[in-house]
């Protein structure tokens, strides 16, 4: 079940990262020169944060000692 949850979150992160990147580009008024690199950094940061939160929420209470 965790694999399904992580996969769904990863798909959501992909779309969220794309939306963030498009918002930044709209604000700047032009496409970013290293769009792929910026996208990677945004999705990496969001993934590390969200996967850590999921891992902590799904961890058994006895394992947090």
Protein backbone atom coordinates (compact mmCIF):
# COMPACT_ATOMS: atom_id res chain seq x y z
CA UNK A 1 0.00 0.00 0.00
CA UNK A 2 2.91 2.35 0.71
CA UNK A 3 4.17 1.93 -2.84
CA UNK A 4 0.82 3.08 -4.21
CA UNK A 5 0.79 6.08 -1.87
CA UNK A 6 4.35 7.09 -2.77
CA UNK A 7 3.53 6.72 -6.48
CA UNK A 8 0.42 8.89 -6.21
CA UNK A 9 2.36 11.53 -4.29
CA UNK A 10 5.12 11.44 -6.91
CA UNK A 11 2.60 12.07 -9.69
CA UNK A 12 1.08 14.94 -7.71
CA UNK A 13 4.56 16.36 -7.11
CA UNK A 14 5.28 16.27 -10.83
CA UNK A 15 2.22 18.40 -11.59
CA UNK A 16 2.85 20.69 -8.61
CA UNK A 17 6.45 21.26 -9.70
CA UNK A 18 5.31 22.02 -13.22
CA UNK A 19 2.79 24.54 -11.90
CA UNK A 20 5.45 26.21 -9.71
CA UNK A 21 7.84 26.40 -12.64
CA UNK A 22 5.21 27.90 -14.93
CA UNK A 23 4.29 30.46 -12.26
CA UNK A 24 7.93 31.49 -11.91
CA UNK A 25 8.27 31.81 -15.68
CA UNK A 26 5.07 33.88 -15.91
CA UNK A 27 6.34 36.17 -13.18
CA UNK A 28 9.67 36.63 -14.96
CA UNK A 29 7.94 37.12 -18.31
CA UNK A 30 10.23 34.69 -20.12
CA UNK A 31 11.21 31.02 -19.99
CA UNK A 32 14.07 30.06 -17.72
CA UNK A 33 17.37 29.24 -19.42
CA UNK A 34 17.90 26.03 -17.42
CA UNK A 35 14.27 24.98 -17.13
CA UNK A 36 15.05 21.29 -16.67
CA UNK A 37 17.51 21.96 -13.86
CA UNK A 38 15.09 24.27 -12.03
CA UNK A 39 12.30 21.69 -12.45
CA UNK A 40 14.59 19.00 -11.02
CA UNK A 41 15.49 21.12 -7.99
CA UNK A 42 11.84 21.99 -7.28
CA UNK A 43 10.62 18.39 -7.56
CA UNK A 44 13.59 17.10 -5.54
CA UNK A 45 12.93 19.47 -2.64
CA UNK A 46 9.20 18.74 -2.65
CA UNK A 47 9.82 14.99 -2.88
CA UNK A 48 12.29 14.92 0.00
CA UNK A 49 9.94 16.89 2.23
CA UNK A 50 6.75 15.01 1.35
CA UNK A 51 8.30 11.51 1.39
CA UNK A 52 9.86 12.19 4.79
CA UNK A 53 6.49 13.36 6.12
CA UNK A 54 4.76 10.28 4.72
CA UNK A 55 7.43 8.01 6.18
CA UNK A 56 7.04 9.60 9.60
CA UNK A 57 3.25 9.43 9.50
CA UNK A 58 3.18 5.79 8.42
CA UNK A 59 5.91 4.60 10.80
CA UNK A 60 4.70 2.45 13.67
CA UNK A 61 4.65 4.22 17.02
CA UNK A 62 7.10 1.73 18.55
CA UNK A 63 9.73 2.39 15.85
CA UNK A 64 10.05 6.09 16.77
CA UNK A 65 11.94 5.36 20.01
